[in-house]
C-alpha atoms as a PDB file:
ATOM      1  CA  MET A   1     -19.576 256.929  43.646  1.00  0.00           C
ATOM      2  CA  ARG A   2     -19.329 254.073  46.127  1.00  0.00           C
ATOM      3  CA  GLU A   3     -20.817 250.831  44.874  1.00  0.00           C
ATOM      4  CA  LYS A   4     -23.520 249.326  47.044  1.00  0.00           C
ATOM      5  CA  PRO A   5     -22.800 245.851  48.438  1.00  0.00           C
ATOM      6  CA  THR A   6     -24.525 242.963  46.727  1.00  0.00           C
ATOM      7  CA  SER A   7     -27.733 241.969  48.490  1.00  0.00           C
ATOM      8  CA  PHE A   8     -28.426 238.305  49.041  1.00  0.00           C
ATOM      9  CA  SER A   9     -32.093 238.768  49.927  1.00  0.00           C
ATOM     10  CA  ILE A  10     -34.197 236.022  48.339  1.00  0.00           C
ATOM     11  CA  LYS A  11     -36.264 238.534  46.337  1.00  0.00           C
ATOM     12  CA  ASN A  12     -33.145 239.559  44.404  1.00  0.00           C
ATOM     13  CA  TRP A  13     -32.165 236.037  43.328  1.00  0.00           C
ATOM     14  CA  SER A  14     -32.819 234.624  39.886  1.00  0.00           C
ATOM     15  CA  GLU A  15     -36.199 232.921  39.678  1.00  0.00           C
ATOM     16  CA  ASP A  16     -34.741 229.415  39.474  1.00  0.00           C
ATOM     17  CA  ASP A  17     -32.823 229.969  42.724  1.00  0.00           C
ATOM     18  CA  ARG A  18     -35.707 231.260  44.816  1.00  0.00           C
ATOM     19  CA  PRO A  19     -36.882 228.534  47.197  1.00  0.00           C
ATOM     20  CA  ARG A  20     -40.243 230.208  47.869  1.00  0.00           C
ATOM     21  CA  GLU A  21     -41.086 230.285  44.174  1.00  0.00           C
ATOM     22  CA  LYS A  22     -39.690 226.795  43.750  1.00  0.00           C
ATOM     23  CA  LEU A  23     -42.014 225.529  46.485  1.00  0.00           C
ATOM     24  CA  LEU A  24     -45.032 227.173  44.848  1.00  0.00           C
ATOM     25  CA  GLN A  25     -44.216 225.947  41.353  1.00  0.00           C
ATOM     26  CA  LYS A  26     -42.811 222.472  42.015  1.00  0.00           C
ATOM     27  CA  GLY A  27     -44.057 221.522  45.481  1.00  0.00           C
ATOM     28  CA  ARG A  28     -42.384 221.410  48.885  1.00  0.00           C
ATOM     29  CA  ASN A  29     -41.050 217.887  48.468  1.00  0.00           C
ATOM     30  CA  VAL A  30     -38.484 218.952  45.856  1.00  0.00           C
ATOM     31  CA  LEU A  31     -36.774 221.477  48.136  1.00  0.00           C
ATOM     32  CA  SER A  32     -33.605 220.553  49.964  1.00  0.00           C
ATOM     33  CA  ASP A  33     -33.333 220.966  53.746  1.00  0.00           C
ATOM     34  CA  ALA A  34     -31.144 224.027  53.172  1.00  0.00           C
ATOM     35  CA  GLU A  35     -33.736 225.600  50.869  1.00  0.00           C
ATOM     36  CA  LEU A  36     -36.487 225.056  53.429  1.00  0.00           C
ATOM     37  CA  ILE A  37     -34.387 226.665  56.164  1.00  0.00           C
ATOM     38  CA  ALA A  38     -33.574 229.521  53.754  1.00  0.00           C
ATOM     39  CA  ILE A  39     -37.301 230.218  53.449  1.00  0.00           C
ATOM     40  CA  LEU A  40     -37.489 230.445  57.244  1.00  0.00           C
ATOM     41  CA  ILE A  41     -34.632 232.913  57.620  1.00  0.00           C
ATOM     42  CA  GLY A  42     -35.502 234.940  54.487  1.00  0.00           C
ATOM     43  CA  SER A  43     -32.042 236.337  53.824  1.00  0.00           C
ATOM     44  CA  GLY A  44     -28.385 235.655  54.435  1.00  0.00           C
ATOM     45  CA  SER A  45     -25.643 238.213  54.929  1.00  0.00           C
ATOM     46  CA  ARG A  46     -23.672 240.460  52.603  1.00  0.00           C
ATOM     47  CA  ASP A  47     -21.263 237.602  52.026  1.00  0.00           C
ATOM     48  CA  GLU A  48     -23.563 234.632  51.406  1.00  0.00           C
ATOM     49  CA  SER A  49     -27.089 233.775  50.392  1.00  0.00           C
ATOM     50  CA  ALA A  50     -29.695 232.349  52.746  1.00  0.00           C
ATOM     51  CA  VAL A  51     -29.267 228.929  51.114  1.00  0.00           C
ATOM     52  CA  ALA A  52     -25.483 229.038  51.504  1.00  0.00           C
ATOM     53  CA  LEU A  53     -25.862 230.102  55.141  1.00  0.00           C
ATOM     54  CA  SER A  54     -28.370 227.302  55.702  1.00  0.00           C
ATOM     55  CA  GLN A  55     -25.999 224.795  54.102  1.00  0.00           C
ATOM     56  CA  ARG A  56     -23.242 225.951  56.441  1.00  0.00           C
ATOM     57  CA  ILE A  57     -25.472 225.554  59.494  1.00  0.00           C
ATOM     58  CA  LEU A  58     -26.539 222.077  58.376  1.00  0.00           C
ATOM     59  CA  ALA A  59     -22.931 221.075  57.676  1.00  0.00           C
ATOM     60  CA  SER A  60     -22.064 221.891  61.294  1.00  0.00           C
ATOM     61  CA  VAL A  61     -24.426 219.103  62.425  1.00  0.00           C
ATOM     62  CA  GLU A  62     -23.517 216.735  59.582  1.00  0.00           C
ATOM     63  CA  ASN A  63     -26.793 217.545  57.769  1.00  0.00           C
ATOM     64  CA  ASN A  64     -28.792 215.903  60.551  1.00  0.00           C
ATOM     65  CA  LEU A  65     -32.054 217.715  61.303  1.00  0.00           C
ATOM     66  CA  SER A  66     -32.429 215.914  64.615  1.00  0.00           C
ATOM     67  CA  GLU A  67     -29.064 217.284  65.735  1.00  0.00           C
ATOM     68  CA  LEU A  68     -29.981 220.730  64.414  1.00  0.00           C
ATOM     69  CA  GLY A  69     -33.081 220.647  66.594  1.00  0.00           C
ATOM     70  CA  LYS A  70     -30.873 220.280  69.662  1.00  0.00           C
ATOM     71  CA  LEU A  71     -29.077 223.580  69.065  1.00  0.00           C
ATOM     72  CA  SER A  72     -30.147 226.395  71.366  1.00  0.00           C
ATOM     73  CA  VAL A  73     -31.022 229.887  70.172  1.00  0.00           C
ATOM     74  CA  LYS A  74     -27.654 231.096  71.456  1.00  0.00           C
ATOM     75  CA  GLN A  75     -25.815 228.354  69.559  1.00  0.00           C
ATOM     76  CA  LEU A  76     -27.655 229.212  66.335  1.00  0.00           C
ATOM     77  CA  MET A  77     -26.738 232.865  66.809  1.00  0.00           C
ATOM     78  CA  GLN A  78     -23.057 231.938  66.639  1.00  0.00           C
ATOM     79  CA  PHE A  79     -23.425 231.697  62.849  1.00  0.00           C
ATOM     80  CA  LYS A  80     -22.756 234.965  61.046  1.00  0.00           C
ATOM     81  CA  GLY A  81     -26.018 236.165  59.532  1.00  0.00           C
ATOM     82  CA  ILE A  82     -28.222 234.551  62.185  1.00  0.00           C
ATOM     83  CA  GLY A  83     -29.644 237.022  64.661  1.00  0.00           C
ATOM     84  CA  GLU A  84     -32.028 236.303  67.501  1.00  0.00           C
ATOM     85  CA  ALA A  85     -35.188 236.495  65.356  1.00  0.00           C
ATOM     86  CA  LYS A  86     -33.852 234.049  62.749  1.00  0.00           C
ATOM     87  CA  ALA A  87     -32.548 231.689  65.450  1.00  0.00           C
ATOM     88  CA  ILE A  88     -35.950 231.676  67.173  1.00  0.00           C
ATOM     89  CA  THR A  89     -37.677 230.993  63.839  1.00  0.00           C
ATOM     90  CA  ILE A  90     -35.437 227.972  63.161  1.00  0.00           C
ATOM     91  CA  ALA A  91     -35.883 226.634  66.699  1.00  0.00           C
ATOM     92  CA  ALA A  92     -39.670 227.048  66.535  1.00  0.00           C
ATOM     93  CA  ALA A  93     -39.938 225.324  63.152  1.00  0.00           C
ATOM     94  CA  LEU A  94     -37.906 222.332  64.302  1.00  0.00           C
ATOM     95  CA  GLU A  95     -39.955 222.061  67.491  1.00  0.00           C
ATOM     96  CA  LEU A  96     -43.127 221.967  65.393  1.00  0.00           C
ATOM     97  CA  GLY A  97     -41.574 219.184  63.324  1.00  0.00           C
ATOM     98  CA  ARG A  98     -40.758 217.232  66.477  1.00  0.00           C
ATOM     99  CA  ARG A  99     -44.314 217.639  67.769  1.00  0.00           C
ATOM    100  CA  ARG A 100     -45.786 216.619  64.428  1.00  0.00           C
ATOM    101  CA  ARG A 101     -43.703 213.454  64.484  1.00  0.00           C
ATOM    102  CA  ALA A 102     -44.940 212.719  67.996  1.00  0.00           C
ATOM    103  CA  GLU A 103     -48.571 213.211  66.966  1.00  0.00           C
ATOM    104  CA  GLU A 104     -48.154 210.979  63.922  1.00  0.00           C
ATOM    105  CA  ALA A 105     -46.794 208.258  66.177  1.00  0.00           C
ATOM    106  CA  LEU A 106     -49.705 208.736  68.571  1.00  0.00           C
ATOM    107  CA  GLU A 107     -52.178 208.029  65.753  1.00  0.00           C
ATOM    108  CA  ARG A 108     -50.915 204.429  65.747  1.00  0.00           C
ATOM    109  CA  LYS A 109     -52.862 203.910  68.907  1.00  0.00           C
ATOM    110  CA  LYS A 110     -52.615 200.161  69.330  1.00  0.00           C
ATOM    111  CA  ILE A 111     -49.400 198.971  70.939  1.00  0.00           C
ATOM    112  CA  THR A 112     -48.501 195.588  69.468  1.00  0.00           C
ATOM    113  CA  SER A 113     -44.816 195.289  70.374  1.00  0.00           C
ATOM    114  CA  SER A 114     -41.892 196.998  72.063  1.00  0.00           C
ATOM    115  CA  THR A 115     -41.029 198.482  68.668  1.00  0.00           C
ATOM    116  CA  SER A 116     -44.408 200.187  68.308  1.00  0.00           C
ATOM    117  CA  ALA A 117     -44.076 201.523  71.865  1.00  0.00           C
ATOM    118  CA  TYR A 118     -40.623 202.876  71.039  1.00  0.00           C
ATOM    119  CA  GLU A 119     -41.931 204.572  67.869  1.00  0.00           C
ATOM    120  CA  LEU A 120     -44.549 206.268  70.014  1.00  0.00           C
ATOM    121  CA  LEU A 121     -42.135 207.460  72.694  1.00  0.00           C
ATOM    122  CA  GLN A 122     -38.878 208.195  70.878  1.00  0.00           C
ATOM    123  CA  PRO A 123     -40.006 211.502  69.330  1.00  0.00           C
ATOM    124  CA  ILE A 124     -41.023 212.712  72.785  1.00  0.00           C
ATOM    125  CA  ILE A 125     -38.099 211.703  75.000  1.00  0.00           C
ATOM    126  CA  GLY A 126     -35.473 210.171  72.710  1.00  0.00           C
ATOM    127  CA  ASP A 127     -33.177 213.171  72.366  1.00  0.00           C
ATOM    128  CA  LEU A 128     -33.764 215.149  75.561  1.00  0.00           C
ATOM    129  CA  PRO A 129     -30.720 216.417  77.498  1.00  0.00           C
ATOM    130  CA  HIS A 130     -32.374 215.461  80.805  1.00  0.00           C
ATOM    131  CA  GLU A 131     -34.230 212.387  82.048  1.00  0.00           C
ATOM    132  CA  GLU A 132     -38.012 212.098  82.000  1.00  0.00           C
ATOM    133  CA  PHE A 133     -40.288 209.262  83.126  1.00  0.00           C
ATOM    134  CA  TRP A 134     -43.471 208.648  81.144  1.00  0.00           C
ATOM    135  CA  ILE A 135     -46.346 206.198  81.389  1.00  0.00           C
ATOM    136  CA  VAL A 136     -48.575 205.030  78.547  1.00  0.00           C
ATOM    137  CA  TYR A 137     -52.024 204.028  79.806  1.00  0.00           C
ATOM    138  CA  LEU A 138     -53.827 201.368  77.751  1.00  0.00           C
ATOM    139  CA  ASN A 139     -57.281 199.840  77.564  1.00  0.00           C
ATOM    140  CA  ASN A 140     -58.055 196.125  77.261  1.00  0.00           C
ATOM    141  CA  ALA A 141     -57.295 196.212  73.510  1.00  0.00           C
ATOM    142  CA  ASN A 142     -53.833 197.673  74.180  1.00  0.00           C
ATOM    143  CA  LYS A 143     -54.952 200.978  72.685  1.00  0.00           C
ATOM    144  CA  VAL A 144     -53.561 204.196  74.099  1.00  0.00           C
ATOM    145  CA  ILE A 145     -55.901 206.030  76.454  1.00  0.00           C
ATOM    146  CA  GLN A 146     -53.377 208.661  77.450  1.00  0.00           C
ATOM    147  CA  MET A 147     -49.668 209.323  77.722  1.00  0.00           C
ATOM    148  CA  MET A 148     -48.382 211.196  80.719  1.00  0.00           C
ATOM    149  CA  GLN A 149     -45.085 212.594  81.963  1.00  0.00           C
ATOM    150  CA  LEU A 150     -44.809 211.436  85.537  1.00  0.00           C
ATOM    151  CA  SER A 151     -41.571 213.163  86.412  1.00  0.00           C
ATOM    152  CA  LYS A 152     -38.715 215.217  85.032  1.00  0.00           C
ATOM    153  CA  GLY A 153     -35.215 215.072  86.402  1.00  0.00           C
ATOM    154  CA  GLY A 154     -31.604 215.854  85.675  1.00  0.00           C
ATOM    155  CA  ILE A 155     -28.963 214.261  83.521  1.00  0.00           C
ATOM    156  CA  THR A 156     -28.565 211.190  85.715  1.00  0.00           C
ATOM    157  CA  GLY A 157     -32.009 210.408  87.055  1.00  0.00           C
ATOM    158  CA  THR A 158     -35.555 211.300  88.060  1.00  0.00           C
ATOM    159  CA  LEU A 159     -37.821 210.461  91.006  1.00  0.00           C
ATOM    160  CA  VAL A 160     -41.054 208.585  90.364  1.00  0.00           C
ATOM    161  CA  ASP A 161     -44.146 208.592  92.573  1.00  0.00           C
ATOM    162  CA  VAL A 162     -45.590 205.091  92.268  1.00  0.00           C
ATOM    163  CA  ARG A 163     -48.846 206.030  94.013  1.00  0.00           C
ATOM    164  CA  LEU A 164     -49.432 208.881  91.599  1.00  0.00           C
ATOM    165  CA  ALA A 165     -48.798 206.626  88.614  1.00  0.00           C
ATOM    166  CA  LEU A 166     -51.387 204.116  89.796  1.00  0.00           C
ATOM    167  CA  LYS A 167     -53.856 206.831  90.826  1.00  0.00           C
ATOM    168  CA  TYR A 168     -53.907 208.083  87.228  1.00  0.00           C
ATOM    169  CA  ALA A 169     -54.341 204.515  85.972  1.00  0.00           C
ATOM    170  CA  LEU A 170     -57.462 204.062  88.118  1.00  0.00           C
ATOM    171  CA  GLU A 171     -58.875 207.449  87.104  1.00  0.00           C
ATOM    172  CA  LEU A 172     -58.389 206.636  83.411  1.00  0.00           C
ATOM    173  CA  GLY A 173     -59.734 203.097  83.727  1.00  0.00           C
ATOM    174  CA  ALA A 174     -56.495 201.670  82.342  1.00  0.00           C
ATOM    175  CA  ILE A 175     -56.127 197.904  82.135  1.00  0.00           C
ATOM    176  CA  ALA A 176     -52.406 197.968  81.338  1.00  0.00           C
ATOM    177  CA  ILE A 177     -49.503 200.394  81.381  1.00  0.00           C
ATOM    178  CA  ILE A 178     -46.145 200.785  79.691  1.00  0.00           C
ATOM    179  CA  LEU A 179     -43.356 202.503  81.591  1.00  0.00           C
ATOM    180  CA  ALA A 180     -40.703 204.491  79.793  1.00  0.00           C
ATOM    181  CA  HIS A 181     -37.797 206.759  80.553  1.00  0.00           C
ATOM    182  CA  ASN A 182     -34.866 208.073  78.583  1.00  0.00           C
ATOM    183  CA  HIS A 183     -31.129 207.902  79.189  1.00  0.00           C
ATOM    184  CA  PRO A 184     -29.528 211.163  77.989  1.00  0.00           C
ATOM    185  CA  SER A 185     -26.162 209.392  77.956  1.00  0.00           C
ATOM    186  CA  GLY A 186     -27.399 207.088  75.199  1.00  0.00           C
ATOM    187  CA  SER A 187     -26.720 203.999  77.303  1.00  0.00           C
ATOM    188  CA  LEU A 188     -29.390 201.328  77.028  1.00  0.00           C
ATOM    189  CA  LYS A 189     -28.258 199.350  80.059  1.00  0.00           C
ATOM    190  CA  PRO A 190     -30.814 199.347  82.906  1.00  0.00           C
ATOM    191  CA  SER A 191     -29.487 200.468  86.276  1.00  0.00           C
ATOM    192  CA  LEU A 192     -30.234 198.736  89.557  1.00  0.00           C
ATOM    193  CA  SER A 193     -32.676 201.533  90.433  1.00  0.00           C
ATOM    194  CA  ASP A 194     -34.395 201.042  87.031  1.00  0.00           C
ATOM    195  CA  LYS A 195     -34.931 197.367  87.880  1.00  0.00           C
ATOM    196  CA  GLN A 196     -36.112 198.092  91.410  1.00  0.00           C
ATOM    197  CA  LEU A 197     -38.584 200.741  90.256  1.00  0.00           C
ATOM    198  CA  THR A 198     -39.942 198.407  87.582  1.00  0.00           C
ATOM    199  CA  GLN A 199     -40.640 195.682  90.120  1.00  0.00           C
ATOM    200  CA  LYS A 200     -42.171 198.157  92.569  1.00  0.00           C
ATOM    201  CA  LEU A 201     -44.564 199.450  89.910  1.00  0.00           C
ATOM    202  CA  ARG A 202     -45.316 195.953  88.638  1.00  0.00           C
ATOM    203  CA  LEU A 203     -46.256 194.654  92.093  1.00  0.00           C
ATOM    204  CA  GLY A 204     -48.320 197.726  92.911  1.00  0.00           C
ATOM    205  CA  ALA A 205     -50.163 197.545  89.591  1.00  0.00           C
ATOM    206  CA  GLU A 206     -50.863 193.817  89.961  1.00  0.00           C
ATOM    207  CA  SER A 207     -52.632 194.449  93.266  1.00  0.00           C
ATOM    208  CA  LEU A 208     -55.034 196.663  91.315  1.00  0.00           C
ATOM    209  CA  ASP A 209     -55.429 194.186  88.420  1.00  0.00           C
ATOM    210  CA  ILE A 210     -53.395 196.443  86.148  1.00  0.00           C
ATOM    211  CA  LYS A 211     -50.668 194.804  84.072  1.00  0.00           C
ATOM    212  CA  VAL A 212     -47.280 196.378  83.399  1.00  0.00           C
ATOM    213  CA  LEU A 213     -46.666 195.292  79.805  1.00  0.00           C
ATOM    214  CA  ASP A 214     -43.181 196.738  79.439  1.00  0.00           C
ATOM    215  CA  HIS A 215     -40.624 199.245  80.618  1.00  0.00           C
ATOM    216  CA  LEU A 216     -38.611 200.894  77.864  1.00  0.00           C
ATOM    217  CA  ILE A 217     -35.327 202.699  78.207  1.00  0.00           C
ATOM    218  CA  VAL A 218     -35.379 205.076  75.259  1.00  0.00           C
ATOM    219  CA  ALA A 219     -32.423 206.651  73.519  1.00  0.00           C
ATOM    220  CA  GLU A 220     -32.190 208.573  70.268  1.00  0.00           C
ATOM    221  CA  LYS A 221     -31.229 205.561  68.175  1.00  0.00           C
ATOM    222  CA  GLY A 222     -32.441 202.548  70.107  1.00  0.00           C
ATOM    223  CA  TYR A 223     -34.222 201.155  73.115  1.00  0.00           C
ATOM    224  CA  PHE A 224     -34.105 198.485  75.805  1.00  0.00           C
ATOM    225  CA  SER A 225     -37.250 196.499  76.552  1.00  0.00           C
ATOM    226  CA  PHE A 226     -37.689 194.847  79.947  1.00  0.00           C
ATOM    227  CA  ALA A 227     -40.376 192.592  78.459  1.00  0.00           C
ATOM    228  CA  ASP A 228     -38.190 191.462  75.538  1.00  0.00           C
ATOM    229  CA  GLU A 229     -35.376 190.654  77.969  1.00  0.00           C
ATOM    230  CA  ASN A 230     -37.719 188.774  80.388  1.00  0.00           C
ATOM    231  CA  LEU A 231     -37.068 191.206  83.226  1.00  0.00           C
ATOM    232  CA  LEU A 232     -40.725 191.754  84.180  1.00  0.00           C
END
């Protein structure tokens, strides 16, 4: 009689190796990244367990969850044992993590420095493959009233409507604003158009008694502050 192939479904593992049971018994903090991803995908293939498959996926991005979050569904499906449903589950979970990080940053509502502004904005635009321009609207205590995406562009740039930016500021009763956009290339050097736009917004805002506190160029691992570099 032909022997059935070994199943690597989590329910057939020894109790010590089951990440779901481990999470229930010992808490989620003790699980490795691979074990958490294994819970998401539920099972591996005939040749490897869900944890081993998860370890292989993580190894492809040097065990960096931020880099893993950049992989598309199609890229995740290139791994043997990852079908469309599992790829979508991984992508959705990582997107939730990104949004949670953004919300946690938003809770620190008072902007006290360029660093605190960067911590607020990096989870939102720091690792995007295209350029986006955002404005943070503040009250007179430098507390965030609202954050808004003003425009979304391509890899090399985005158009910004200055009148629209200031219209929102008046509607929200903002006293100050912080400008921000990302550079998908990772470069933190401001372009001539970045400088020109900053001055255009600064002058327009000043005529309405609204102060431009800073303009940040945001990348995944750093930022450039116009205020810190005395370019405002």
